[in-house]
Amino acid sequence: MIQRNLINLILILTVTVSCTLPKETIQRIEKDTREQINLPTDYCLLMPTITFEQWDNDYNVFKKYLTKRIMTTQVGLSSLYEGVYIWWCYPSALTHVQLDTTTMIFDNKSILGEWRVVSNRKITFTDSACYADKVIYRNEVIDNIDKDDDLYLNINSEKIKLYLKEKDKKSFRRLLNRNYIIESNRFLLMYRLSVGGSSVSQIGIDKDGRLILNSYFVQERKIKGVYIVYQSTMTQLIFKKMNE
């Protein structure tokens, strides 16, 4: 459940050092009221217009936010299977599912502090086009919504730390302890020693002050001149700042 989603977010195949929270932090969490929210699947998201002529133009607009540092994290793989060209990238910085630019982080101090998860879900968006009829088809599938496990996020000026308390467990354990930077006001790069080895997610603050972390797995399938299918699987964590 939540661990599978977190792997998509932080690119960790195995949990490293397990560490519980300090007693004073646990006390603050216990005093905080945990909330859970239900949001539309397209909440704070931008996707290409569903017209054959505008589709690529809308997609390419976001390329301006991709810096050289971000592009070093983008390694796609491709294959050919029974005439179908398949390409995938994980994690992907440029997808058909982008955070709304109104959520951009213009002051890095706005993400500092203690946060608690209010929404954890995974959604797959699929855009497909048939070249013959020049029509774009779109559908979305909710792969998972996790309401059972609890997440605590602590961000200071240098480190981002993430802790998990599974259902029916009494304590939190650490899943993540990384250095980080924010690039282009919308990308979170997390790393151990070198920025060049970062994982990349999209980050934003919504109109209600909630912190959004989206990570993406993308796959493209096509037969040249016949059809193209573009699939974006989004793992989304939304946090609310804890009472100070």
Protein backbone atom coordinates (compact mmCIF):
# COMPACT_ATOMS: atom_id res chain seq x y z
CA MET A 1 0.00 0.00 0.00
CA ILE A 2 1.70 3.17 1.17
CA GLN A 3 5.20 1.66 0.98
CA ARG A 4 4.69 0.82 -2.68
CA ASN A 5 3.65 4.42 -3.37
CA LEU A 6 6.58 5.80 -1.44
CA ILE A 7 9.02 3.82 -3.52
CA ASN A 8 7.71 5.72 -6.54
CA LEU A 9 8.27 9.00 -4.76
CA ILE A 10 11.72 8.56 -3.26
CA LEU A 11 13.30 5.94 -5.53
CA ILE A 12 14.36 3.63 -2.75
CA LEU A 13 14.20 -0.09 -3.44
CA THR A 14 14.80 -1.00 0.18
CA VAL A 15 14.33 0.95 3.38
CA THR A 16 17.72 1.82 4.81
CA VAL A 17 18.34 2.79 8.42
CA SER A 18 15.22 2.60 10.54
CA CYS A 19 14.92 5.33 13.09
CA THR A 20 12.05 6.30 15.36
CA LEU A 21 11.00 9.84 16.17
CA PRO A 22 12.14 11.72 19.27
CA LYS A 23 9.69 11.69 22.17
CA GLU A 24 8.97 15.43 21.91
CA THR A 25 8.08 15.06 18.21
CA ILE A 26 5.74 12.18 18.98
CA GLN A 27 4.03 14.32 21.57
CA ARG A 28 3.49 17.09 19.01
CA ILE A 29 2.03 14.59 16.56
CA GLU A 30 -0.31 13.20 19.21
CA LYS A 31 -1.60 16.72 19.92
CA ASP A 32 -2.15 17.33 16.21
CA THR A 33 -5.47 16.31 14.67
CA ARG A 34 -4.95 14.05 11.70
CA GLU A 35 -7.10 14.98 8.73
CA GLN A 36 -7.97 13.16 5.53
CA ILE A 37 -9.30 14.92 2.46
CA ASN A 38 -10.96 13.83 -0.77
CA LEU A 39 -9.95 15.80 -3.84
CA PRO A 40 -10.82 15.59 -7.54
CA THR A 41 -8.39 13.45 -9.53
CA ASP A 42 -7.27 16.52 -11.48
CA TYR A 43 -6.75 18.72 -8.41
CA CYS A 44 -4.04 21.34 -9.11
CA LEU A 45 -3.08 19.56 -12.32
CA LEU A 46 -2.62 20.79 -15.87
CA MET A 47 -2.88 18.46 -18.87
CA PRO A 48 -2.73 19.09 -22.62
CA THR A 49 -5.88 20.25 -24.34
CA ILE A 50 -7.69 17.27 -25.86
CA THR A 51 -7.36 18.43 -29.46
CA PHE A 52 -5.02 16.85 -31.98
CA GLU A 53 -3.64 20.25 -33.05
CA GLN A 54 -2.97 21.66 -29.57
CA TRP A 55 -1.83 18.53 -27.74
CA ASP A 56 1.93 18.75 -28.41
CA ASN A 57 2.00 22.53 -28.03
CA ASP A 58 0.52 22.34 -24.53
CA TYR A 59 2.97 19.59 -23.59
CA ASN A 60 6.03 21.42 -24.88
CA VAL A 61 5.25 24.61 -22.91
CA PHE A 62 6.66 22.99 -19.76
CA LYS A 63 10.06 22.29 -21.31
CA LYS A 64 11.15 25.80 -20.35
CA TYR A 65 11.31 24.72 -16.70
CA LEU A 66 13.76 21.89 -17.36
CA THR A 67 17.27 22.94 -16.35
CA LYS A 68 20.47 21.04 -17.14
CA ARG A 69 20.50 19.81 -13.54
CA ILE A 70 17.02 18.35 -13.91
CA MET A 71 17.82 16.75 -17.24
CA THR A 72 20.70 14.81 -15.72
CA THR A 73 18.07 12.84 -13.78
CA GLN A 74 16.17 11.87 -16.93
CA VAL A 75 17.24 8.51 -18.32
CA GLY A 76 14.67 6.91 -20.60
CA LEU A 77 14.72 3.33 -21.89
CA SER A 78 13.21 2.05 -25.13
CA SER A 79 12.36 -1.22 -26.83
CA LEU A 80 10.55 -2.55 -29.89
CA TYR A 81 7.93 -5.27 -29.44
CA GLU A 82 5.91 -6.67 -32.36
CA GLY A 83 6.23 -3.41 -34.26
CA VAL A 84 5.31 -1.22 -31.29
CA TYR A 85 7.93 1.27 -30.11
CA ILE A 86 7.90 1.48 -26.31
CA TRP A 87 9.69 4.16 -24.31
CA TRP A 88 9.58 4.79 -20.57
CA CYS A 89 11.17 7.09 -18.04
CA TYR A 90 11.20 6.90 -14.27
CA PRO A 91 11.14 9.27 -12.51
CA SER A 92 9.96 11.69 -15.17
CA ALA A 93 10.16 15.48 -14.94
CA LEU A 94 8.23 16.21 -18.13
CA THR A 95 4.86 14.48 -18.25
CA HIS A 96 1.38 15.09 -19.60
CA VAL A 97 0.31 15.61 -15.99
CA GLN A 98 1.90 18.74 -14.56
CA LEU A 99 1.33 20.60 -11.31
CA ASP A 100 -0.51 23.85 -11.90
CA THR A 101 1.94 26.74 -12.12
CA THR A 102 -0.10 28.56 -9.46
CA THR A 103 1.45 26.15 -6.93
CA MET A 104 5.05 27.15 -7.69
CA ILE A 105 7.43 27.64 -4.75
CA PHE A 106 8.74 31.22 -4.89
CA ASP A 107 9.89 31.27 -1.26
CA ASN A 108 11.69 28.11 -0.12
CA LYS A 109 10.88 28.99 3.49
CA SER A 110 7.23 28.18 2.76
CA ILE A 111 7.98 24.44 2.76
CA LEU A 112 9.95 24.42 6.02
CA GLY A 113 8.44 22.85 9.11
CA GLU A 114 6.48 19.76 10.15
CA TRP A 115 3.84 18.27 7.88
CA ARG A 116 1.33 15.44 8.16
CA VAL A 117 -0.22 13.55 5.27
CA VAL A 118 -3.86 14.24 4.40
CA SER A 119 -3.97 12.44 1.03
CA ASN A 120 -1.96 9.59 -0.47
CA ARG A 121 -2.97 8.19 -3.82
CA LYS A 122 -1.79 6.87 -7.16
CA ILE A 123 -3.59 7.72 -10.41
CA THR A 124 -2.86 6.69 -13.99
CA PHE A 125 -3.74 9.15 -16.78
CA THR A 126 -3.72 7.86 -20.35
CA ASP A 127 -3.81 10.01 -23.48
CA SER A 128 -4.06 8.23 -26.82
CA ALA A 129 -4.34 9.48 -30.36
CA CYS A 130 -5.24 7.84 -33.66
CA TYR A 131 -3.54 9.66 -36.51
CA ALA A 132 -6.19 8.65 -39.05
CA ASP A 133 -9.12 10.37 -37.31
CA LYS A 134 -6.99 13.00 -35.48
CA VAL A 135 -8.82 12.49 -32.21
CA ILE A 136 -7.34 12.45 -28.69
CA TYR A 137 -8.84 10.07 -26.13
CA ARG A 138 -8.21 10.48 -22.40
CA ASN A 139 -9.04 8.33 -19.41
CA GLU A 140 -7.93 8.11 -15.81
CA VAL A 141 -7.83 5.26 -13.33
CA ILE A 142 -7.35 5.53 -9.56
CA ASP A 143 -4.87 2.77 -8.80
CA ASN A 144 -4.75 3.25 -5.05
CA ILE A 145 -5.93 5.51 -2.24
CA ASP A 146 -4.32 4.82 1.13
CA LYS A 147 -6.18 6.08 4.19
CA ASP A 148 -4.73 3.71 6.75
CA ASP A 149 -1.06 4.61 7.21
CA ASP A 150 0.26 7.86 8.64
CA LEU A 151 3.13 9.97 7.30
CA TYR A 152 5.11 12.68 9.06
CA LEU A 153 7.37 14.96 7.01
CA ASN A 154 10.02 17.26 8.46
CA ILE A 155 11.79 19.78 6.23
CA ASN A 156 14.54 22.17 7.28
CA SER A 157 16.80 24.34 5.11
CA GLU A 158 19.02 21.39 4.17
CA LYS A 159 17.29 18.09 4.89
CA ILE A 160 13.99 16.41 4.15
CA LYS A 161 12.96 13.54 6.43
CA LEU A 162 9.98 11.27 6.04
CA TYR A 163 8.54 8.90 8.65
CA LEU A 164 5.86 6.23 8.36
CA LYS A 165 3.52 4.74 10.94
CA GLU A 166 1.73 1.76 9.49
CA LYS A 167 -1.79 0.78 10.43
CA ASP A 168 -1.92 -0.93 13.83
CA LYS A 169 1.69 0.03 14.59
CA LYS A 170 2.52 2.17 17.60
CA SER A 171 5.59 4.02 16.34
CA PHE A 172 6.93 5.86 13.33
CA ARG A 173 10.02 4.68 11.46
CA ARG A 174 12.18 6.70 9.15
CA LEU A 175 11.90 6.08 5.43
CA LEU A 176 13.85 9.02 4.09
CA ASN A 177 16.67 11.32 5.13
CA ARG A 178 18.02 13.29 2.17
CA ASN A 179 19.57 16.55 1.13
CA TYR A 180 17.42 18.49 -1.29
CA ILE A 181 17.14 21.51 -3.55
CA ILE A 182 14.21 23.09 -5.37
CA GLU A 183 14.78 23.77 -9.05
CA SER A 184 12.71 26.07 -11.30
CA ASN A 185 10.38 26.75 -8.36
CA ARG A 186 8.59 23.43 -9.02
CA PHE A 187 10.96 20.46 -8.93
CA LEU A 188 12.22 18.74 -5.79
CA LEU A 189 15.63 17.10 -6.22
CA MET A 190 16.57 14.77 -3.35
CA TYR A 191 20.04 13.29 -3.04
CA ARG A 192 22.60 11.73 -0.70
CA LEU A 193 26.02 13.02 -1.77
CA SER A 194 25.73 14.39 -5.29
CA VAL A 195 22.94 16.42 -6.88
CA GLY A 196 23.72 14.53 -10.07
CA GLY A 197 22.29 11.40 -8.45
CA SER A 198 19.01 13.04 -7.45
CA SER A 199 15.53 11.67 -7.72
CA VAL A 200 13.06 14.24 -9.03
CA SER A 201 9.48 15.04 -8.09
CA GLN A 202 7.20 18.00 -8.68
CA ILE A 203 6.50 20.11 -5.61
CA GLY A 204 4.00 22.87 -4.91
CA ILE A 205 1.86 24.68 -2.35
CA ASP A 206 -1.87 24.86 -3.05
CA LYS A 207 -4.21 27.76 -2.29
CA ASP A 208 -4.93 26.33 1.18
CA GLY A 209 -1.24 26.10 2.10
CA ARG A 210 -1.01 22.32 1.65
CA LEU A 211 2.22 20.81 0.36
CA ILE A 212 1.91 18.67 -2.80
CA LEU A 213 4.52 16.11 -3.86
CA ASN A 214 3.95 14.37 -7.18
CA SER A 215 6.21 11.77 -8.77
CA TYR A 216 5.71 10.18 -12.17
CA PHE A 217 6.35 7.07 -14.16
CA VAL A 218 5.69 7.66 -17.88
CA GLN A 219 5.41 5.29 -20.79
CA GLU A 220 4.92 5.98 -24.49
CA ARG A 221 3.74 3.34 -26.94
CA LYS A 222 3.41 4.03 -30.65
CA ILE A 223 3.40 2.78 -34.20
CA LYS A 224 4.71 5.59 -36.37
CA GLY A 225 1.94 7.24 -38.35
CA VAL A 226 -0.75 5.01 -36.85
CA TYR A 227 -1.27 5.77 -33.17
CA ILE A 228 0.41 6.93 -29.98
CA VAL A 229 -0.42 6.20 -26.33
CA TYR A 230 1.08 8.31 -23.57
CA GLN A 231 0.59 7.07 -20.01
CA SER A 232 1.47 8.99 -16.85
CA THR A 233 1.23 7.22 -13.50
CA MET A 234 1.25 9.82 -10.73
CA THR A 235 2.01 9.06 -7.11
CA GLN A 236 0.71 11.98 -5.06
CA LEU A 237 1.25 12.87 -1.42
CA ILE A 238 -0.46 15.94 0.02
CA PHE A 239 0.52 17.25 3.43
CA LYS A 240 -0.96 19.81 5.81
CA LYS A 241 1.35 21.80 8.06
CA MET A 242 1.09 20.80 11.70
CA ASN A 243 0.03 23.27 14.33
CA GLU A 244 3.04 25.08 15.74
